[in-house]
Amino acid sequence: MNFYIQQSIHIHLIKIDVITNSSVLQIGSSGIIKPVSYLSNTGGFTEPAPEAEPPDFEAGTQFESPAVPLTTPRGRASHDL
């Protein structure tokens, strides 16, 4: 059975807290959503990576700021607050 759907969608505001690699955001009718995942060796590596080295800081040491700038839901960096 085939369905033919004509739709008009108006979104004035949408708030999304978190979306990950496996998330699906569906707005309206999508028909069939088929999951797919590709694993590619784009770097041309031929052997496993070397073992990770232990960190250079002592246990219990805290960092002054995050290594990656974190943003708030309003889009400003956390260090600007």
PDB file of N, CA and C in Angstrom:
ATOM      1  N   MET A   1       0.846  -1.163   0.000  1.00  0.00           N
ATOM      2  CA  MET A   1       0.000   0.000   0.000  1.00  0.00           C
ATOM      3  C   MET A   1       0.900   1.238   0.000  1.00  0.00           C
ATOM      4  N   ASN A   2       0.639   2.171  -0.847  1.00  0.00           N
ATOM      5  CA  ASN A   2       1.407   3.409  -0.943  1.00  0.00           C
ATOM      6  C   ASN A   2       0.584   4.574  -0.410  1.00  0.00           C
ATOM      7  N   PHE A   3       1.242   5.421   0.342  1.00  0.00           N
ATOM      8  CA  PHE A   3       0.624   6.644   0.820  1.00  0.00           C
ATOM      9  C   PHE A   3       1.351   7.817   0.190  1.00  0.00           C
ATOM     10  N   TYR A   4       0.635   8.774  -0.292  1.00  0.00           N
ATOM     11  CA  TYR A   4       1.216   9.999  -0.839  1.00  0.00           C
ATOM     12  C   TYR A   4       0.774  11.139   0.069  1.00  0.00           C
ATOM     13  N   ILE A   5       1.743  11.754   0.712  1.00  0.00           N
ATOM     14  CA  ILE A   5       1.445  12.764   1.720  1.00  0.00           C
ATOM     15  C   ILE A   5       2.008  14.100   1.280  1.00  0.00           C
ATOM     16  N   GLN A   6       1.170  15.108   1.279  1.00  0.00           N
ATOM     17  CA  GLN A   6       1.625  16.472   1.050  1.00  0.00           C
ATOM     18  C   GLN A   6       1.503  17.189   2.380  1.00  0.00           C
ATOM     19  N   GLN A   7       2.585  17.801   2.810  1.00  0.00           N
ATOM     20  CA  GLN A   7       2.547  18.432   4.118  1.00  0.00           C
ATOM     21  C   GLN A   7       3.242  19.785   4.087  1.00  0.00           C
ATOM     22  N   SER A   8       2.796  20.644   4.962  1.00  0.00           N
ATOM     23  CA  SER A   8       3.403  21.956   5.132  1.00  0.00           C
ATOM     24  C   SER A   8       3.715  22.102   6.615  1.00  0.00           C
ATOM     25  N   ILE A   9       4.980  22.271   6.937  1.00  0.00           N
ATOM     26  CA  ILE A   9       5.402  22.328   8.333  1.00  0.00           C
ATOM     27  C   ILE A   9       6.030  23.688   8.596  1.00  0.00           C
ATOM     28  N   HIS A  10       5.568  24.362   9.625  1.00  0.00           N
ATOM     29  CA  HIS A  10       6.115  25.654  10.032  1.00  0.00           C
ATOM     30  C   HIS A  10       6.635  25.510  11.453  1.00  0.00           C
ATOM     31  N   ILE A  11       7.927  25.695  11.636  1.00  0.00           N
ATOM     32  CA  ILE A  11       8.530  25.604  12.964  1.00  0.00           C
ATOM     33  C   ILE A  11       8.999  27.001  13.350  1.00  0.00           C
ATOM     34  N   HIS A  12       8.369  27.557  14.359  1.00  0.00           N
ATOM     35  CA  HIS A  12       8.740  28.894  14.811  1.00  0.00           C
ATOM     36  C   HIS A  12       9.904  28.841  15.783  1.00  0.00           C
ATOM     37  N   LEU A  13       9.986  27.792  16.590  1.00  0.00           N
ATOM     38  CA  LEU A  13      11.066  27.643  17.558  1.00  0.00           C
ATOM     39  C   LEU A  13      11.227  26.167  17.868  1.00  0.00           C
ATOM     40  N   ILE A  14      12.457  25.690  17.845  1.00  0.00           N
ATOM     41  CA  ILE A  14      12.734  24.311  18.236  1.00  0.00           C
ATOM     42  C   ILE A  14      13.960  24.325  19.129  1.00  0.00           C
ATOM     43  N   LYS A  15      13.853  23.658  20.261  1.00  0.00           N
ATOM     44  CA  LYS A  15      14.970  23.558  21.196  1.00  0.00           C
ATOM     45  C   LYS A  15      15.360  22.092  21.305  1.00  0.00           C
ATOM     46  N   ILE A  16      16.619  21.818  21.042  1.00  0.00           N
ATOM     47  CA  ILE A  16      17.132  20.454  21.134  1.00  0.00           C
ATOM     48  C   ILE A  16      18.257  20.480  22.151  1.00  0.00           C
ATOM     49  N   ASP A  17      18.096  19.743  23.252  1.00  0.00           N
ATOM     50  CA  ASP A  17      19.132  19.726  24.287  1.00  0.00           C
ATOM     51  C   ASP A  17      20.351  18.936  23.833  1.00  0.00           C
ATOM     52  N   VAL A  18      20.147  17.719  23.348  1.00  0.00           N
ATOM     53  CA  VAL A  18      21.272  16.855  22.982  1.00  0.00           C
ATOM     54  C   VAL A  18      20.905  16.067  21.739  1.00  0.00           C
ATOM     55  N   ILE A  19      21.853  15.955  20.834  1.00  0.00           N
ATOM     56  CA  ILE A  19      21.683  15.064  19.691  1.00  0.00           C
ATOM     57  C   ILE A  19      23.025  14.360  19.495  1.00  0.00           C
ATOM     58  N   THR A  20      22.995  13.060  19.319  1.00  0.00           N
ATOM     59  CA  THR A  20      24.220  12.270  19.212  1.00  0.00           C
ATOM     60  C   THR A  20      24.303  11.632  17.837  1.00  0.00           C
ATOM     61  N   ASN A  21      25.374  10.890  17.619  1.00  0.00           N
ATOM     62  CA  ASN A  21      25.571  10.254  16.317  1.00  0.00           C
ATOM     63  C   ASN A  21      24.457   9.277  15.973  1.00  0.00           C
ATOM     64  N   SER A  22      23.840   8.674  16.984  1.00  0.00           N
ATOM     65  CA  SER A  22      22.804   7.688  16.715  1.00  0.00           C
ATOM     66  C   SER A  22      21.400   8.273  16.821  1.00  0.00           C
ATOM     67  N   SER A  23      21.281   9.577  16.950  1.00  0.00           N
ATOM     68  CA  SER A  23      19.975  10.211  17.095  1.00  0.00           C
ATOM     69  C   SER A  23      19.296  10.409  15.748  1.00  0.00           C
ATOM     70  N   VAL A  24      17.975  10.404  15.781  1.00  0.00           N
ATOM     71  CA  VAL A  24      17.173  10.700  14.597  1.00  0.00           C
ATOM     72  C   VAL A  24      16.202  11.810  14.977  1.00  0.00           C
ATOM     73  N   LEU A  25      16.275  12.918  14.284  1.00  0.00           N
ATOM     74  CA  LEU A  25      15.322  14.005  14.482  1.00  0.00           C
ATOM     75  C   LEU A  25      14.362  13.962  13.304  1.00  0.00           C
ATOM     76  N   GLN A  26      13.126  13.568  13.573  1.00  0.00           N
ATOM     77  CA  GLN A  26      12.142  13.437  12.506  1.00  0.00           C
ATOM     78  C   GLN A  26      11.113  14.543  12.632  1.00  0.00           C
ATOM     79  N   ILE A  27      10.932  15.274  11.573  1.00  0.00           N
ATOM     80  CA  ILE A  27       9.895  16.293  11.500  1.00  0.00           C
ATOM     81  C   ILE A  27       9.042  15.943  10.292  1.00  0.00           C
ATOM     82  N   GLY A  28       7.797  15.584  10.537  1.00  0.00           N
ATOM     83  CA  GLY A  28       6.920  15.184   9.445  1.00  0.00           C
ATOM     84  C   GLY A  28       7.050  13.704   9.139  1.00  0.00           C
ATOM     85  N   SER A  29       6.553  13.294   8.001  1.00  0.00           N
ATOM     86  CA  SER A  29       6.564  11.889   7.601  1.00  0.00           C
ATOM     87  C   SER A  29       7.856  11.570   6.876  1.00  0.00           C
ATOM     88  N   SER A  30       8.460  10.461   7.245  1.00  0.00           N
ATOM     89  CA  SER A  30       9.740  10.115   6.637  1.00  0.00           C
ATOM     90  C   SER A  30       9.671   8.855   5.791  1.00  0.00           C
ATOM     91  N   GLY A  31       8.578   8.124   5.845  1.00  0.00           N
ATOM     92  CA  GLY A  31       8.535   6.855   5.126  1.00  0.00           C
ATOM     93  C   GLY A  31       9.291   5.816   5.918  1.00  0.00           C
ATOM     94  N   ILE A  32      10.411   5.354   5.409  1.00  0.00           N
ATOM     95  CA  ILE A  32      11.207   4.332   6.074  1.00  0.00           C
ATOM     96  C   ILE A  32      12.544   4.939   6.487  1.00  0.00           C
ATOM     97  N   ILE A  33      12.920   4.724   7.735  1.00  0.00           N
ATOM     98  CA  ILE A  33      14.242   5.120   8.210  1.00  0.00           C
ATOM     99  C   ILE A  33      15.046   3.849   8.385  1.00  0.00           C
ATOM    100  N   LYS A  34      16.078   3.687   7.590  1.00  0.00           N
ATOM    101  CA  LYS A  34      16.920   2.497   7.674  1.00  0.00           C
ATOM    102  C   LYS A  34      18.227   2.867   8.369  1.00  0.00           C
ATOM    103  N   PRO A  35      18.553   2.173   9.469  1.00  0.00           N
ATOM    104  CA  PRO A  35      19.825   2.474  10.131  1.00  0.00           C
ATOM    105  C   PRO A  35      20.995   2.027   9.273  1.00  0.00           C
ATOM    106  N   VAL A  36      22.056   2.812   9.290  1.00  0.00           N
ATOM    107  CA  VAL A  36      23.244   2.462   8.518  1.00  0.00           C
ATOM    108  C   VAL A  36      24.467   2.968   9.279  1.00  0.00           C
ATOM    109  N   SER A  37      25.523   2.201   9.217  1.00  0.00           N
ATOM    110  CA  SER A  37      26.767   2.587   9.873  1.00  0.00           C
ATOM    111  C   SER A  37      27.921   2.124   9.008  1.00  0.00           C
ATOM    112  N   TYR A  38      28.854   3.015   8.760  1.00  0.00           N
ATOM    113  CA  TYR A  38      30.020   2.679   7.951  1.00  0.00           C
ATOM    114  C   TYR A  38      31.275   2.863   8.794  1.00  0.00           C
ATOM    115  N   LEU A  39      32.170   1.899   8.744  1.00  0.00           N
ATOM    116  CA  LEU A  39      33.457   1.995   9.418  1.00  0.00           C
ATOM    117  C   LEU A  39      34.515   2.043   8.337  1.00  0.00           C
ATOM    118  N   SER A  40      35.212   3.163   8.237  1.00  0.00           N
ATOM    119  CA  SER A  40      36.179   3.349   7.157  1.00  0.00           C
ATOM    120  C   SER A  40      37.561   3.619   7.719  1.00  0.00           C
ATOM    121  N   ASN A  41      38.570   3.071   7.076  1.00  0.00           N
ATOM    122  CA  ASN A  41      39.962   3.334   7.433  1.00  0.00           C
ATOM    123  C   ASN A  41      40.463   4.422   6.490  1.00  0.00           C
ATOM    124  N   THR A  42      40.089   5.667   6.771  1.00  0.00           N
ATOM    125  CA  THR A  42      40.434   6.761   5.862  1.00  0.00           C
ATOM    126  C   THR A  42      41.892   7.163   5.962  1.00  0.00           C
ATOM    127  N   GLY A  43      42.576   6.766   7.037  1.00  0.00           N
ATOM    128  CA  GLY A  43      43.978   7.120   7.195  1.00  0.00           C
ATOM    129  C   GLY A  43      44.919   6.094   6.601  1.00  0.00           C
ATOM    130  N   GLY A  44      44.387   4.969   6.120  1.00  0.00           N
ATOM    131  CA  GLY A  44      45.223   3.936   5.532  1.00  0.00           C
ATOM    132  C   GLY A  44      46.104   3.228   6.549  1.00  0.00           C
ATOM    133  N   PHE A  45      45.658   3.135   7.804  1.00  0.00           N
ATOM    134  CA  PHE A  45      46.456   2.494   8.842  1.00  0.00           C
ATOM    135  C   PHE A  45      46.495   0.986   8.623  1.00  0.00           C
ATOM    136  N   THR A  46      47.641   0.365   8.932  1.00  0.00           N
ATOM    137  CA  THR A  46      47.812  -1.073   8.704  1.00  0.00           C
ATOM    138  C   THR A  46      48.008  -1.855   9.992  1.00  0.00           C
ATOM    139  N   GLU A  47      48.137  -1.167  11.130  1.00  0.00           N
ATOM    140  CA  GLU A  47      48.328  -1.865  12.404  1.00  0.00           C
ATOM    141  C   GLU A  47      47.639  -1.071  13.506  1.00  0.00           C
ATOM    142  N   PRO A  48      47.407  -1.718  14.673  1.00  0.00           N
ATOM    143  CA  PRO A  48      46.733  -1.009  15.769  1.00  0.00           C
ATOM    144  C   PRO A  48      47.560   0.172  16.275  1.00  0.00           C
ATOM    145  N   ALA A  49      46.875   1.115  16.884  1.00  0.00           N
ATOM    146  CA  ALA A  49      47.545   2.286  17.464  1.00  0.00           C
ATOM    147  C   ALA A  49      48.368   1.858  18.670  1.00  0.00           C
ATOM    148  N   PRO A  50      49.435   2.595  18.986  1.00  0.00           N
ATOM    149  CA  PRO A  50      50.233   2.263  20.172  1.00  0.00           C
ATOM    150  C   PRO A  50      49.422   2.491  21.448  1.00  0.00           C
ATOM    151  N   GLU A  51      49.853   1.851  22.528  1.00  0.00           N
ATOM    152  CA  GLU A  51      49.172   2.011  23.813  1.00  0.00           C
ATOM    153  C   GLU A  51      49.247   3.469  24.265  1.00  0.00           C
ATOM    154  N   ALA A  52      48.198   3.924  24.929  1.00  0.00           N
ATOM    155  CA  ALA A  52      48.160   5.302  25.427  1.00  0.00           C
ATOM    156  C   ALA A  52      49.136   5.464  26.583  1.00  0.00           C
ATOM    157  N   GLU A  53      49.753   6.626  26.658  1.00  0.00           N
ATOM    158  CA  GLU A  53      50.675   6.928  27.749  1.00  0.00           C
ATOM    159  C   GLU A  53      49.892   7.495  28.927  1.00  0.00           C
ATOM    160  N   PRO A  54      50.355   7.232  30.155  1.00  0.00           N
ATOM    161  CA  PRO A  54      49.649   7.794  31.317  1.00  0.00           C
ATOM    162  C   PRO A  54      49.774   9.315  31.324  1.00  0.00           C
ATOM    163  N   PRO A  55      48.800  10.019  31.918  1.00  0.00           N
ATOM    164  CA  PRO A  55      48.851  11.484  31.956  1.00  0.00           C
ATOM    165  C   PRO A  55      50.018  11.979  32.806  1.00  0.00           C
ATOM    166  N   ASP A  56      50.442  13.228  32.567  1.00  0.00           N
ATOM    167  CA  ASP A  56      51.589  13.816  33.254  1.00  0.00           C
ATOM    168  C   ASP A  56      51.221  14.534  34.552  1.00  0.00           C
ATOM    169  N   PHE A  57      50.019  14.366  35.068  1.00  0.00           N
ATOM    170  CA  PHE A  57      49.638  15.059  36.294  1.00  0.00           C
ATOM    171  C   PHE A  57      49.394  14.047  37.408  1.00  0.00           C
ATOM    172  N   GLU A  58      49.485  14.515  38.641  1.00  0.00           N
ATOM    173  CA  GLU A  58      49.288  13.650  39.793  1.00  0.00           C
ATOM    174  C   GLU A  58      47.803  13.438  40.034  1.00  0.00           C
ATOM    175  N   ALA A  59      47.473  12.316  40.677  1.00  0.00           N
ATOM    176  CA  ALA A  59      46.078  12.022  40.999  1.00  0.00           C
ATOM    177  C   ALA A  59      45.527  13.117  41.904  1.00  0.00           C
ATOM    178  N   GLY A  60      44.319  13.557  41.644  1.00  0.00           N
ATOM    179  CA  GLY A  60      43.682  14.590  42.446  1.00  0.00           C
ATOM    180  C   GLY A  60      43.921  15.993  41.934  1.00  0.00           C
ATOM    181  N   THR A  61      44.780  16.166  40.947  1.00  0.00           N
ATOM    182  CA  THR A  61      45.041  17.484  40.376  1.00  0.00           C
ATOM    183  C   THR A  61      43.847  17.913  39.533  1.00  0.00           C
ATOM    184  N   GLN A  62      43.468  19.165  39.629  1.00  0.00           N
ATOM    185  CA  GLN A  62      42.361  19.679  38.832  1.00  0.00           C
ATOM    186  C   GLN A  62      42.887  20.674  37.813  1.00  0.00           C
ATOM    187  N   PHE A  63      42.235  20.704  36.672  1.00  0.00           N
ATOM    188  CA  PHE A  63      42.602  21.644  35.619  1.00  0.00           C
ATOM    189  C   PHE A  63      41.964  22.999  35.903  1.00  0.00           C
ATOM    190  N   GLU A  64      42.610  24.065  35.452  1.00  0.00           N
ATOM    191  CA  GLU A  64      42.068  25.413  35.611  1.00  0.00           C
ATOM    192  C   GLU A  64      40.848  25.635  34.728  1.00  0.00           C
ATOM    193  N   SER A  65      40.871  25.096  33.520  1.00  0.00           N
ATOM    194  CA  SER A  65      39.750  25.248  32.596  1.00  0.00           C
ATOM    195  C   SER A  65      39.664  23.984  31.748  1.00  0.00           C
ATOM    196  N   PRO A  66      38.521  23.732  31.123  1.00  0.00           N
ATOM    197  CA  PRO A  66      38.402  22.541  30.283  1.00  0.00           C
ATOM    198  C   PRO A  66      39.310  22.627  29.059  1.00  0.00           C
ATOM    199  N   ALA A  67      39.756  21.471  28.587  1.00  0.00           N
ATOM    200  CA  ALA A  67      40.615  21.426  27.406  1.00  0.00           C
ATOM    201  C   ALA A  67      39.851  21.852  26.156  1.00  0.00           C
ATOM    202  N   VAL A  68      38.532  21.629  26.149  1.00  0.00           N
ATOM    203  CA  VAL A  68      37.675  22.010  25.028  1.00  0.00           C
ATOM    204  C   VAL A  68      36.706  23.069  25.532  1.00  0.00           C
ATOM    205  N   PRO A  69      36.571  24.211  24.862  1.00  0.00           N
ATOM    206  CA  PRO A  69      35.626  25.234  25.320  1.00  0.00           C
ATOM    207  C   PRO A  69      34.200  24.685  25.339  1.00  0.00           C
ATOM    208  N   LEU A  70      33.550  24.783  26.477  1.00  0.00           N
ATOM    209  CA  LEU A  70      32.180  24.301  26.611  1.00  0.00           C
ATOM    210  C   LEU A  70      31.224  25.455  26.364  1.00  0.00           C
ATOM    211  N   THR A  71      30.108  25.163  25.732  1.00  0.00           N
ATOM    212  CA  THR A  71      29.115  26.202  25.474  1.00  0.00           C
ATOM    213  C   THR A  71      27.870  25.937  26.296  1.00  0.00           C
ATOM    214  N   THR A  72      27.182  26.992  26.636  1.00  0.00           N
ATOM    215  CA  THR A  72      25.922  26.888  27.353  1.00  0.00           C
ATOM    216  C   THR A  72      24.804  26.766  26.325  1.00  0.00           C
ATOM    217  N   PRO A  73      23.600  26.427  26.755  1.00  0.00           N
ATOM    218  CA  PRO A  73      22.486  26.352  25.798  1.00  0.00           C
ATOM    219  C   PRO A  73      22.225  27.660  25.063  1.00  0.00           C
ATOM    220  N   ARG A  74      22.663  28.794  25.620  1.00  0.00           N
ATOM    221  CA  ARG A  74      22.463  30.082  24.954  1.00  0.00           C
ATOM    222  C   ARG A  74      23.535  30.341  23.914  1.00  0.00           C
ATOM    223  N   GLY A  75      24.527  29.442  23.799  1.00  0.00           N
ATOM    224  CA  GLY A  75      25.533  29.587  22.767  1.00  0.00           C
ATOM    225  C   GLY A  75      26.767  30.359  23.174  1.00  0.00           C
ATOM    226  N   ARG A  76      26.826  30.856  24.425  1.00  0.00           N
ATOM    227  CA  ARG A  76      28.013  31.576  24.869  1.00  0.00           C
ATOM    228  C   ARG A  76      28.972  30.586  25.514  1.00  0.00           C
ATOM    229  N   ALA A  77      30.248  30.802  25.370  1.00  0.00           N
ATOM    230  CA  ALA A  77      31.241  29.939  26.002  1.00  0.00           C
ATOM    231  C   ALA A  77      31.145  30.087  27.513  1.00  0.00           C
ATOM    232  N   SER A  78      31.396  28.985  28.247  1.00  0.00           N
ATOM    233  CA  SER A  78      31.239  29.008  29.698  1.00  0.00           C
ATOM    234  C   SER A  78      32.204  29.974  30.371  1.00  0.00           C
ATOM    235  N   HIS A  79      33.376  30.220  29.789  1.00  0.00           N
ATOM    236  CA  HIS A  79      34.326  31.141  30.410  1.00  0.00           C
ATOM    237  C   HIS A  79      33.919  32.602  30.232  1.00  0.00           C
ATOM    238  N   ASP A  80      32.912  32.887  29.367  1.00  0.00           N
ATOM    239  CA  ASP A  80      32.435  34.259  29.164  1.00  0.00           C
ATOM    240  C   ASP A  80      31.384  34.665  30.189  1.00  0.00           C
ATOM    241  N   LEU A  81      30.914  33.704  30.987  1.00  0.00           N
ATOM    242  CA  LEU A  81      29.820  33.995  31.917  1.00  0.00           C
ATOM    243  C   LEU A  81      30.304  34.679  33.158  1.00  0.00           C
TER     244      LEU A  81
END
